[in-house]
Amino acid sequence: MRDASADDGLLVDWLAHYAALMLIIIVVITAGATAWAAFVLPSREMWTIVVDSTQDVPARELGVVGEALFQAEATSTEAMAALGLTGGPEQLYRFVQLRAVPESRLLIVVARTDDLYTASSATDAMAQALVHAFERSGYTGMRVLGAPQPAPVASGLSVGVVALAAVVMGVILAFGIAIVSYRMRRPVLTMERATALVDPLAVASIPGTARALGSLRRRPPRISRGSLRLAAPFGDGTRLQAPGFSERDRRKLARSLGVPARSEGARAVIACDAATRERDLRAVTSKNASPLELLWIA
């Protein structure tokens, strides 16, 4: 039976190792989505109400007739000319639409953009063009009721809703990326696990810098000179092995430890940290016939 405390310890190590990466992902996604909602997502909606004053058209048919005239080429051409727009009508209908109030004599021209003045101008121009379209069809009972006004009911996504959704998506994505990375390097190496794999004669642990960065910490980890006193003394007879490190990084680590970059000494020291892959550690261990010592960089 597996030890539950060991599983709990592995979970804690995993969370600590990927915490910085997950936090950065969550913050970036939330900040980006919030900025998009605040500055890019259209949030200004203006209404202009058109009312049927004669009631000659049945209320249930007013919306159908109004939509047909609203989509007519002459209507969009007139509105675009008033707004100074060029191009096809789809440019206008992208942010202007018609809403019919069921069982009433009202039509609402809605314009929604990221600019209040543009929305107000567009809804007014389209409402006037719609009234003229009714008049060209022989129906003179339509009137524009008042000036454009802000929508009394908020529509679309608010910044708060977008931010909350972004946090949720960020958490899911962050855990997904961390799990994929974990599966590639499984398990997150601990000093206890490294000791079990190497079975060294001696174990020394040296605190590295920027431990809070976890998986984002640079390799090889920087080691302060003050931390070297916690490890066994190194000398010219030390042969440093650093599984998973490039030769350049191994030399950097050797210099920081005061170990010759190239040495054929009898004392074999294996240096590793939480980001070291188990398979790399196993491979280096199997190639060393001499007694091994383990240097853990926390």
C-alpha atoms as a PDB file:
ATOM      1  CA  MET A   1       0.000   0.000   0.000  1.00  0.00           C
ATOM      2  CA  ARG A   2       1.281   3.436  -0.879  1.00  0.00           C
ATOM      3  CA  ASP A   3       2.149   5.817   1.929  1.00  0.00           C
ATOM      4  CA  ALA A   4      -0.462   8.586   1.997  1.00  0.00           C
ATOM      5  CA  SER A   5       1.947  10.982   3.686  1.00  0.00           C
ATOM      6  CA  ALA A   6       4.446  10.434   0.880  1.00  0.00           C
ATOM      7  CA  ASP A   7       1.772  11.275  -1.693  1.00  0.00           C
ATOM      8  CA  ASP A   8       0.861  14.408   0.255  1.00  0.00           C
ATOM      9  CA  GLY A   9       4.502  15.409   0.410  1.00  0.00           C
ATOM     10  CA  LEU A  10       4.873  14.943  -3.346  1.00  0.00           C
ATOM     11  CA  LEU A  11       1.807  17.127  -3.928  1.00  0.00           C
ATOM     12  CA  VAL A  12       3.258  19.874  -1.742  1.00  0.00           C
ATOM     13  CA  ASP A  13       6.597  19.672  -3.582  1.00  0.00           C
ATOM     14  CA  TRP A  14       4.783  19.788  -6.927  1.00  0.00           C
ATOM     15  CA  LEU A  15       2.768  22.866  -5.928  1.00  0.00           C
ATOM     16  CA  ALA A  16       5.862  24.623  -4.592  1.00  0.00           C
ATOM     17  CA  HIS A  17       7.834  23.816  -7.748  1.00  0.00           C
ATOM     18  CA  TYR A  18       5.194  25.149 -10.169  1.00  0.00           C
ATOM     19  CA  ALA A  19       3.579  27.859  -8.014  1.00  0.00           C
ATOM     20  CA  ALA A  20       5.471  30.740  -9.638  1.00  0.00           C
ATOM     21  CA  LEU A  21       4.746  29.474 -13.162  1.00  0.00           C
ATOM     22  CA  MET A  22       1.045  29.039 -12.428  1.00  0.00           C
ATOM     23  CA  LEU A  23       0.798  32.440 -10.759  1.00  0.00           C
ATOM     24  CA  ILE A  24       2.399  34.185 -13.740  1.00  0.00           C
ATOM     25  CA  ILE A  25       0.029  32.431 -16.173  1.00  0.00           C
ATOM     26  CA  ILE A  26      -3.021  33.389 -14.099  1.00  0.00           C
ATOM     27  CA  VAL A  27      -1.907  37.016 -13.726  1.00  0.00           C
ATOM     28  CA  VAL A  28      -1.060  37.432 -17.431  1.00  0.00           C
ATOM     29  CA  ILE A  29      -4.352  35.922 -18.635  1.00  0.00           C
ATOM     30  CA  THR A  30      -6.428  37.902 -16.126  1.00  0.00           C
ATOM     31  CA  ALA A  31      -4.654  41.175 -16.904  1.00  0.00           C
ATOM     32  CA  GLY A  32      -4.944  40.626 -20.647  1.00  0.00           C
ATOM     33  CA  ALA A  33      -8.624  39.701 -20.517  1.00  0.00           C
ATOM     34  CA  THR A  34      -9.451  42.607 -18.209  1.00  0.00           C
ATOM     35  CA  ALA A  35      -7.635  45.061 -20.479  1.00  0.00           C
ATOM     36  CA  TRP A  36      -9.450  43.625 -23.488  1.00  0.00           C
ATOM     37  CA  ALA A  37     -12.810  44.010 -21.759  1.00  0.00           C
ATOM     38  CA  ALA A  38     -12.030  47.544 -20.628  1.00  0.00           C
ATOM     39  CA  PHE A  39     -10.459  48.971 -23.783  1.00  0.00           C
ATOM     40  CA  VAL A  40     -11.317  46.725 -26.748  1.00  0.00           C
ATOM     41  CA  LEU A  41     -14.661  45.079 -26.038  1.00  0.00           C
ATOM     42  CA  PRO A  42     -17.451  47.425 -27.181  1.00  0.00           C
ATOM     43  CA  SER A  43     -19.182  48.760 -24.106  1.00  0.00           C
ATOM     44  CA  ARG A  44     -21.080  51.881 -25.227  1.00  0.00           C
ATOM     45  CA  GLU A  45     -24.669  51.173 -26.226  1.00  0.00           C
ATOM     46  CA  MET A  46     -27.117  53.881 -27.346  1.00  0.00           C
ATOM     47  CA  TRP A  47     -30.793  53.558 -28.206  1.00  0.00           C
ATOM     48  CA  THR A  48     -33.102  55.609 -30.392  1.00  0.00           C
ATOM     49  CA  ILE A  49     -36.795  54.755 -30.185  1.00  0.00           C
ATOM     50  CA  VAL A  50     -39.059  54.867 -33.250  1.00  0.00           C
ATOM     51  CA  VAL A  51     -42.796  54.844 -32.482  1.00  0.00           C
ATOM     52  CA  ASP A  52     -45.814  54.130 -34.669  1.00  0.00           C
ATOM     53  CA  SER A  53     -48.226  56.991 -33.972  1.00  0.00           C
ATOM     54  CA  THR A  54     -51.119  55.913 -36.222  1.00  0.00           C
ATOM     55  CA  GLN A  55     -51.346  52.195 -35.424  1.00  0.00           C
ATOM     56  CA  ASP A  56     -52.234  51.344 -39.033  1.00  0.00           C
ATOM     57  CA  VAL A  57     -49.786  48.385 -39.033  1.00  0.00           C
ATOM     58  CA  PRO A  58     -50.675  45.510 -36.670  1.00  0.00           C
ATOM     59  CA  ALA A  59     -48.286  45.369 -33.713  1.00  0.00           C
ATOM     60  CA  ARG A  60     -47.262  41.781 -34.448  1.00  0.00           C
ATOM     61  CA  GLU A  61     -46.285  42.756 -38.002  1.00  0.00           C
ATOM     62  CA  LEU A  62     -44.479  45.988 -37.182  1.00  0.00           C
ATOM     63  CA  GLY A  63     -41.242  44.250 -36.254  1.00  0.00           C
ATOM     64  CA  VAL A  64     -41.162  42.175 -39.462  1.00  0.00           C
ATOM     65  CA  VAL A  65     -41.867  45.173 -41.688  1.00  0.00           C
ATOM     66  CA  GLY A  66     -39.410  47.329 -39.772  1.00  0.00           C
ATOM     67  CA  GLU A  67     -36.604  44.750 -40.084  1.00  0.00           C
ATOM     68  CA  ALA A  68     -37.167  44.441 -43.830  1.00  0.00           C
ATOM     69  CA  LEU A  69     -36.932  48.207 -44.309  1.00  0.00           C
ATOM     70  CA  PHE A  70     -34.022  48.409 -41.850  1.00  0.00           C
ATOM     71  CA  GLN A  71     -32.012  45.973 -44.004  1.00  0.00           C
ATOM     72  CA  ALA A  72     -32.940  47.718 -47.272  1.00  0.00           C
ATOM     73  CA  GLU A  73     -30.055  49.121 -49.300  1.00  0.00           C
ATOM     74  CA  ALA A  74     -31.599  52.601 -49.496  1.00  0.00           C
ATOM     75  CA  THR A  75     -31.835  52.770 -45.697  1.00  0.00           C
ATOM     76  CA  SER A  76     -28.222  51.822 -45.083  1.00  0.00           C
ATOM     77  CA  THR A  77     -27.025  54.107 -47.893  1.00  0.00           C
ATOM     78  CA  GLU A  78     -28.799  57.119 -46.359  1.00  0.00           C
ATOM     79  CA  ALA A  79     -27.463  56.377 -42.870  1.00  0.00           C
ATOM     80  CA  MET A  80     -23.911  55.829 -44.063  1.00  0.00           C
ATOM     81  CA  ALA A  81     -23.991  59.086 -46.001  1.00  0.00           C
ATOM     82  CA  ALA A  82     -25.119  60.936 -42.883  1.00  0.00           C
ATOM     83  CA  LEU A  83     -22.301  59.341 -40.890  1.00  0.00           C
ATOM     84  CA  GLY A  84     -19.685  59.868 -43.590  1.00  0.00           C
ATOM     85  CA  LEU A  85     -18.983  56.146 -43.893  1.00  0.00           C
ATOM     86  CA  THR A  86     -17.758  54.476 -47.060  1.00  0.00           C
ATOM     87  CA  GLY A  87     -17.809  50.859 -48.059  1.00  0.00           C
ATOM     88  CA  GLY A  88     -20.499  48.213 -47.930  1.00  0.00           C
ATOM     89  CA  PRO A  89     -23.537  48.163 -45.617  1.00  0.00           C
ATOM     90  CA  GLU A  90     -21.991  45.386 -43.532  1.00  0.00           C
ATOM     91  CA  GLN A  91     -19.705  48.042 -42.066  1.00  0.00           C
ATOM     92  CA  LEU A  92     -22.786  49.708 -40.551  1.00  0.00           C
ATOM     93  CA  TYR A  93     -24.725  46.591 -39.573  1.00  0.00           C
ATOM     94  CA  ARG A  94     -21.683  45.329 -37.689  1.00  0.00           C
ATOM     95  CA  PHE A  95     -22.568  47.625 -34.782  1.00  0.00           C
ATOM     96  CA  VAL A  96     -26.139  48.818 -35.493  1.00  0.00           C
ATOM     97  CA  GLN A  97     -29.222  46.636 -35.199  1.00  0.00           C
ATOM     98  CA  LEU A  98     -32.990  46.883 -34.849  1.00  0.00           C
ATOM     99  CA  ARG A  99     -34.970  45.488 -31.920  1.00  0.00           C
ATOM    100  CA  ALA A 100     -38.738  45.225 -31.912  1.00  0.00           C
ATOM    101  CA  VAL A 101     -40.645  45.378 -28.631  1.00  0.00           C
ATOM    102  CA  PRO A 102     -43.166  42.481 -28.744  1.00  0.00           C
ATOM    103  CA  GLU A 103     -46.861  43.436 -28.848  1.00  0.00           C
ATOM    104  CA  SER A 104     -46.065  47.142 -28.930  1.00  0.00           C
ATOM    105  CA  ARG A 105     -45.798  50.024 -31.373  1.00  0.00           C
ATOM    106  CA  LEU A 106     -42.082  50.573 -30.680  1.00  0.00           C
ATOM    107  CA  LEU A 107     -38.929  49.851 -32.646  1.00  0.00           C
ATOM    108  CA  ILE A 108     -35.532  50.425 -31.056  1.00  0.00           C
ATOM    109  CA  VAL A 109     -32.437  51.223 -33.126  1.00  0.00           C
ATOM    110  CA  VAL A 110     -29.408  50.069 -31.125  1.00  0.00           C
ATOM    111  CA  ALA A 111     -25.795  51.050 -31.772  1.00  0.00           C
ATOM    112  CA  ARG A 112     -23.005  49.475 -29.723  1.00  0.00           C
ATOM    113  CA  THR A 113     -19.385  50.581 -30.080  1.00  0.00           C
ATOM    114  CA  ASP A 114     -16.472  51.530 -27.848  1.00  0.00           C
ATOM    115  CA  ASP A 115     -17.147  55.235 -28.425  1.00  0.00           C
ATOM    116  CA  LEU A 116     -20.204  57.008 -27.010  1.00  0.00           C
ATOM    117  CA  TYR A 117     -20.328  59.724 -29.695  1.00  0.00           C
ATOM    118  CA  THR A 118     -20.126  57.216 -32.546  1.00  0.00           C
ATOM    119  CA  ALA A 119     -22.855  55.083 -31.008  1.00  0.00           C
ATOM    120  CA  SER A 120     -25.121  58.094 -30.510  1.00  0.00           C
ATOM    121  CA  SER A 121     -24.582  59.384 -34.052  1.00  0.00           C
ATOM    122  CA  ALA A 122     -25.086  55.948 -35.607  1.00  0.00           C
ATOM    123  CA  THR A 123     -28.357  55.166 -33.815  1.00  0.00           C
ATOM    124  CA  ASP A 124     -29.794  58.585 -34.615  1.00  0.00           C
ATOM    125  CA  ALA A 125     -28.814  58.442 -38.296  1.00  0.00           C
ATOM    126  CA  MET A 126     -30.197  54.928 -38.695  1.00  0.00           C
ATOM    127  CA  ALA A 127     -33.459  55.824 -36.922  1.00  0.00           C
ATOM    128  CA  GLN A 128     -33.990  58.810 -39.216  1.00  0.00           C
ATOM    129  CA  ALA A 129     -33.213  56.660 -42.274  1.00  0.00           C
ATOM    130  CA  LEU A 130     -35.704  54.025 -41.059  1.00  0.00           C
ATOM    131  CA  VAL A 131     -38.485  56.636 -40.724  1.00  0.00           C
ATOM    132  CA  HIS A 132     -37.735  57.856 -44.265  1.00  0.00           C
ATOM    133  CA  ALA A 133     -37.866  54.256 -45.496  1.00  0.00           C
ATOM    134  CA  PHE A 134     -41.366  53.867 -44.033  1.00  0.00           C
ATOM    135  CA  GLU A 135     -42.377  57.147 -45.708  1.00  0.00           C
ATOM    136  CA  ARG A 136     -41.060  55.955 -49.084  1.00  0.00           C
ATOM    137  CA  SER A 137     -43.247  52.866 -48.637  1.00  0.00           C
ATOM    138  CA  GLY A 138     -46.312  55.076 -48.188  1.00  0.00           C
ATOM    139  CA  TYR A 139     -46.523  54.847 -44.420  1.00  0.00           C
ATOM    140  CA  THR A 140     -46.099  58.182 -42.639  1.00  0.00           C
ATOM    141  CA  GLY A 141     -47.004  57.197 -39.110  1.00  0.00           C
ATOM    142  CA  MET A 142     -43.468  56.514 -37.814  1.00  0.00           C
ATOM    143  CA  ARG A 143     -41.771  59.107 -35.612  1.00  0.00           C
ATOM    144  CA  VAL A 144     -38.419  59.314 -33.806  1.00  0.00           C
ATOM    145  CA  LEU A 145     -39.177  59.557 -30.099  1.00  0.00           C
ATOM    146  CA  GLY A 146     -36.687  61.914 -28.496  1.00  0.00           C
ATOM    147  CA  ALA A 147     -32.905  61.951 -28.753  1.00  0.00           C
ATOM    148  CA  PRO A 148     -30.516  58.990 -28.536  1.00  0.00           C
ATOM    149  CA  GLN A 149     -30.168  57.716 -24.983  1.00  0.00           C
ATOM    150  CA  PRO A 150     -27.904  55.258 -23.168  1.00  0.00           C
ATOM    151  CA  ALA A 151     -29.276  51.747 -22.916  1.00  0.00           C
ATOM    152  CA  PRO A 152     -31.246  51.454 -19.652  1.00  0.00           C
ATOM    153  CA  VAL A 153     -30.248  47.805 -19.341  1.00  0.00           C
ATOM    154  CA  ALA A 154     -26.592  46.774 -19.496  1.00  0.00           C
ATOM    155  CA  SER A 155     -25.801  44.312 -22.241  1.00  0.00           C
ATOM    156  CA  GLY A 156     -22.736  42.269 -23.050  1.00  0.00           C
ATOM    157  CA  LEU A 157     -20.016  41.241 -20.651  1.00  0.00           C
ATOM    158  CA  SER A 158     -18.906  43.534 -17.868  1.00  0.00           C
ATOM    159  CA  VAL A 159     -15.260  43.945 -16.942  1.00  0.00           C
ATOM    160  CA  GLY A 160     -15.874  42.128 -13.659  1.00  0.00           C
ATOM    161  CA  VAL A 161     -17.439  39.108 -15.359  1.00  0.00           C
ATOM    162  CA  VAL A 162     -14.615  38.931 -17.898  1.00  0.00           C
ATOM    163  CA  ALA A 163     -12.003  39.194 -15.138  1.00  0.00           C
ATOM    164  CA  LEU A 164     -13.649  36.416 -13.118  1.00  0.00           C
ATOM    165  CA  ALA A 165     -13.900  34.167 -16.165  1.00  0.00           C
ATOM    166  CA  ALA A 166     -10.256  34.910 -16.970  1.00  0.00           C
ATOM    167  CA  VAL A 167      -9.182  33.899 -13.462  1.00  0.00           C
ATOM    168  CA  VAL A 168     -11.027  30.591 -13.788  1.00  0.00           C
ATOM    169  CA  MET A 169      -9.577  29.934 -17.247  1.00  0.00           C
ATOM    170  CA  GLY A 170      -6.143  31.007 -16.047  1.00  0.00           C
ATOM    171  CA  VAL A 171      -6.250  28.552 -13.153  1.00  0.00           C
ATOM    172  CA  ILE A 172      -7.333  25.728 -15.471  1.00  0.00           C
ATOM    173  CA  LEU A 173      -4.661  26.572 -18.053  1.00  0.00           C
ATOM    174  CA  ALA A 174      -1.974  27.034 -15.411  1.00  0.00           C
ATOM    175  CA  PHE A 175      -2.676  23.660 -13.858  1.00  0.00           C
ATOM    176  CA  GLY A 176      -2.804  22.086 -17.318  1.00  0.00           C
ATOM    177  CA  ILE A 177       0.602  23.469 -18.302  1.00  0.00           C
ATOM    178  CA  ALA A 178       2.065  22.505 -14.928  1.00  0.00           C
ATOM    179  CA  ILE A 179       0.692  18.973 -15.221  1.00  0.00           C
ATOM    180  CA  VAL A 180       2.121  18.587 -18.741  1.00  0.00           C
ATOM    181  CA  SER A 181       5.507  19.773 -17.497  1.00  0.00           C
ATOM    182  CA  TYR A 182       5.196  17.482 -14.498  1.00  0.00           C
ATOM    183  CA  ARG A 183       4.438  14.496 -16.714  1.00  0.00           C
ATOM    184  CA  MET A 184       7.521  15.252 -18.808  1.00  0.00           C
ATOM    185  CA  ARG A 185       9.766  15.456 -15.711  1.00  0.00           C
ATOM    186  CA  ARG A 186       7.830  13.138 -13.419  1.00  0.00           C
ATOM    187  CA  PRO A 187       8.155  13.127 -10.555  1.00  0.00           C
ATOM    188  CA  VAL A 188       9.320  16.513  -9.281  1.00  0.00           C
ATOM    189  CA  LEU A 189      12.616  15.515  -7.732  1.00  0.00           C
ATOM    190  CA  THR A 190      13.095  15.843  -4.001  1.00  0.00           C
ATOM    191  CA  MET A 191      16.246  15.385  -1.966  1.00  0.00           C
ATOM    192  CA  GLU A 192      14.761  12.239  -0.411  1.00  0.00           C
ATOM    193  CA  ARG A 193      13.991  10.769  -3.818  1.00  0.00           C
ATOM    194  CA  ALA A 194      17.428  11.707  -5.177  1.00  0.00           C
ATOM    195  CA  THR A 195      19.070  10.074  -2.155  1.00  0.00           C
ATOM    196  CA  ALA A 196      17.097   6.883  -2.753  1.00  0.00           C
ATOM    197  CA  LEU A 197      18.143   6.788  -6.413  1.00  0.00           C
ATOM    198  CA  VAL A 198      21.853   7.533  -5.891  1.00  0.00           C
ATOM    199  CA  ASP A 199      22.377   5.765  -2.554  1.00  0.00           C
ATOM    200  CA  PRO A 200      25.339   8.067  -1.771  1.00  0.00           C
ATOM    201  CA  LEU A 201      27.956   7.786   0.895  1.00  0.00           C
ATOM    202  CA  ALA A 202      27.197  11.344   1.991  1.00  0.00           C
ATOM    203  CA  VAL A 203      24.588  13.985   1.258  1.00  0.00           C
ATOM    204  CA  ALA A 204      25.029  17.749   1.400  1.00  0.00           C
ATOM    205  CA  SER A 205      22.407  20.420   0.771  1.00  0.00           C
ATOM    206  CA  ILE A 206      23.169  23.954  -0.370  1.00  0.00           C
ATOM    207  CA  PRO A 207      20.482  26.650  -0.615  1.00  0.00           C
ATOM    208  CA  GLY A 208      20.293  28.115  -4.096  1.00  0.00           C
ATOM    209  CA  THR A 209      19.036  31.586  -4.897  1.00  0.00           C
ATOM    210  CA  ALA A 210      15.530  32.419  -6.164  1.00  0.00           C
ATOM    211  CA  ARG A 211      14.021  29.228  -4.761  1.00  0.00           C
ATOM    212  CA  ALA A 212      10.542  30.795  -4.872  1.00  0.00           C
ATOM    213  CA  LEU A 213      10.669  30.737  -8.695  1.00  0.00           C
ATOM    214  CA  GLY A 214      10.509  26.947  -8.670  1.00  0.00           C
ATOM    215  CA  SER A 215      10.356  25.643 -12.234  1.00  0.00           C
ATOM    216  CA  LEU A 216      11.240  29.111 -13.581  1.00  0.00           C
ATOM    217  CA  ARG A 217      14.533  29.281 -11.691  1.00  0.00           C
ATOM    218  CA  ARG A 218      17.531  29.595 -13.953  1.00  0.00           C
ATOM    219  CA  ARG A 219      19.859  26.663 -14.380  1.00  0.00           C
ATOM    220  CA  PRO A 220      22.331  26.148 -13.001  1.00  0.00           C
ATOM    221  CA  PRO A 221      20.960  27.755  -9.851  1.00  0.00           C
ATOM    222  CA  ARG A 222      23.149  30.484  -8.435  1.00  0.00           C
ATOM    223  CA  ILE A 223      24.807  29.629  -5.136  1.00  0.00           C
ATOM    224  CA  SER A 224      25.964  32.286  -2.716  1.00  0.00           C
ATOM    225  CA  ARG A 225      29.434  31.896  -1.308  1.00  0.00           C
ATOM    226  CA  GLY A 226      27.997  32.011   2.179  1.00  0.00           C
ATOM    227  CA  SER A 227      26.062  28.810   1.476  1.00  0.00           C
ATOM    228  CA  LEU A 228      29.135  26.772   0.587  1.00  0.00           C
ATOM    229  CA  ARG A 229      30.020  26.290   4.223  1.00  0.00           C
ATOM    230  CA  LEU A 230      26.972  24.019   4.538  1.00  0.00           C
ATOM    231  CA  ALA A 231      28.462  21.488   2.112  1.00  0.00           C
ATOM    232  CA  ALA A 232      31.400  19.173   2.457  1.00  0.00           C
ATOM    233  CA  PRO A 233      34.660  20.793   1.317  1.00  0.00           C
ATOM    234  CA  PHE A 234      35.543  20.311  -2.309  1.00  0.00           C
ATOM    235  CA  GLY A 235      38.998  19.963  -3.738  1.00  0.00           C
ATOM    236  CA  ASP A 236      41.015  19.121  -6.820  1.00  0.00           C
ATOM    237  CA  GLY A 237      40.128  15.455  -6.447  1.00  0.00           C
ATOM    238  CA  THR A 238      36.413  16.135  -6.905  1.00  0.00           C
ATOM    239  CA  ARG A 239      34.709  14.926 -10.080  1.00  0.00           C
ATOM    240  CA  LEU A 240      31.469  16.886 -10.456  1.00  0.00           C
ATOM    241  CA  GLN A 241      28.565  15.331 -12.321  1.00  0.00           C
ATOM    242  CA  ALA A 242      25.452  17.406 -13.091  1.00  0.00           C
ATOM    243  CA  PRO A 243      22.758  15.264 -14.760  1.00  0.00           C
ATOM    244  CA  GLY A 244      20.520  17.199 -17.113  1.00  0.00           C
ATOM    245  CA  PHE A 245      22.852  20.202 -17.191  1.00  0.00           C
ATOM    246  CA  SER A 246      24.585  21.255 -20.368  1.00  0.00           C
ATOM    247  CA  GLU A 247      28.383  21.161 -20.328  1.00  0.00           C
ATOM    248  CA  ARG A 248      28.444  24.937 -20.178  1.00  0.00           C
ATOM    249  CA  ASP A 249      26.082  24.978 -17.187  1.00  0.00           C
ATOM    250  CA  ARG A 250      28.072  22.221 -15.499  1.00  0.00           C
ATOM    251  CA  ARG A 251      31.216  24.343 -15.770  1.00  0.00           C
ATOM    252  CA  LYS A 252      29.386  27.339 -14.326  1.00  0.00           C
ATOM    253  CA  LEU A 253      28.247  25.227 -11.412  1.00  0.00           C
ATOM    254  CA  ALA A 254      31.750  23.862 -10.933  1.00  0.00           C
ATOM    255  CA  ARG A 255      33.193  27.374 -10.787  1.00  0.00           C
ATOM    256  CA  SER A 256      30.589  28.487  -8.240  1.00  0.00           C
ATOM    257  CA  LEU A 257      31.492  25.481  -6.074  1.00  0.00           C
ATOM    258  CA  GLY A 258      35.212  25.989  -6.474  1.00  0.00           C
ATOM    259  CA  VAL A 259      35.619  22.686  -8.281  1.00  0.00           C
ATOM    260  CA  PRO A 260      37.878  22.286 -11.331  1.00  0.00           C
ATOM    261  CA  ALA A 261      35.750  22.171 -14.461  1.00  0.00           C
ATOM    262  CA  ARG A 262      37.705  19.147 -15.694  1.00  0.00           C
ATOM    263  CA  SER A 263      38.793  16.642 -13.084  1.00  0.00           C
ATOM    264  CA  GLU A 264      39.349  12.907 -13.051  1.00  0.00           C
ATOM    265  CA  GLY A 265      39.470  12.681  -9.263  1.00  0.00           C
ATOM    266  CA  ALA A 266      38.274   9.686  -7.351  1.00  0.00           C
ATOM    267  CA  ARG A 267      35.648  11.604  -5.433  1.00  0.00           C
ATOM    268  CA  ALA A 268      32.463  11.655  -7.536  1.00  0.00           C
ATOM    269  CA  VAL A 269      29.861  14.228  -6.539  1.00  0.00           C
ATOM    270  CA  ILE A 270      26.475  14.341  -8.243  1.00  0.00           C
ATOM    271  CA  ALA A 271      24.773  17.753  -8.142  1.00  0.00           C
ATOM    272  CA  CYS A 272      21.051  17.988  -8.780  1.00  0.00           C
ATOM    273  CA  ASP A 273      17.982  20.077  -7.976  1.00  0.00           C
ATOM    274  CA  ALA A 274      14.197  19.784  -8.177  1.00  0.00           C
ATOM    275  CA  ALA A 275      14.218  20.220 -11.969  1.00  0.00           C
ATOM    276  CA  THR A 276      16.583  17.281 -12.556  1.00  0.00           C
ATOM    277  CA  ARG A 277      14.937  14.427 -14.432  1.00  0.00           C
ATOM    278  CA  GLU A 278      14.989  11.048 -12.749  1.00  0.00           C
ATOM    279  CA  ARG A 279      16.155   9.320 -15.908  1.00  0.00           C
ATOM    280  CA  ASP A 280      19.132  11.666 -16.185  1.00  0.00           C
ATOM    281  CA  LEU A 281      20.034  11.009 -12.563  1.00  0.00           C
ATOM    282  CA  ARG A 282      19.746   7.255 -13.065  1.00  0.00           C
ATOM    283  CA  ALA A 283      21.919   7.411 -16.190  1.00  0.00           C
ATOM    284  CA  VAL A 284      24.727   9.298 -14.453  1.00  0.00           C
ATOM    285  CA  THR A 285      24.541   7.048 -11.396  1.00  0.00           C
ATOM    286  CA  SER A 286      24.798   3.885 -13.470  1.00  0.00           C
ATOM    287  CA  LYS A 287      27.962   5.144 -15.214  1.00  0.00           C
ATOM    288  CA  ASN A 288      29.861   5.749 -11.970  1.00  0.00           C
ATOM    289  CA  ALA A 289      31.373   2.667 -10.409  1.00  0.00           C
ATOM    290  CA  SER A 290      33.092   4.577  -7.621  1.00  0.00           C
ATOM    291  CA  PRO A 291      31.291   5.600  -4.389  1.00  0.00           C
ATOM    292  CA  LEU A 292      29.088   8.629  -4.934  1.00  0.00           C
ATOM    293  CA  GLU A 293      28.246  11.699  -2.928  1.00  0.00           C
ATOM    294  CA  LEU A 294      25.109  13.759  -3.480  1.00  0.00           C
ATOM    295  CA  LEU A 295      24.995  17.550  -3.530  1.00  0.00           C
ATOM    296  CA  TRP A 296      21.422  18.795  -3.380  1.00  0.00           C
ATOM    297  CA  ILE A 297      20.773  22.382  -4.492  1.00  0.00           C
ATOM    298  CA  ALA A 298      17.633  23.447  -2.667  1.00  0.00           C
END
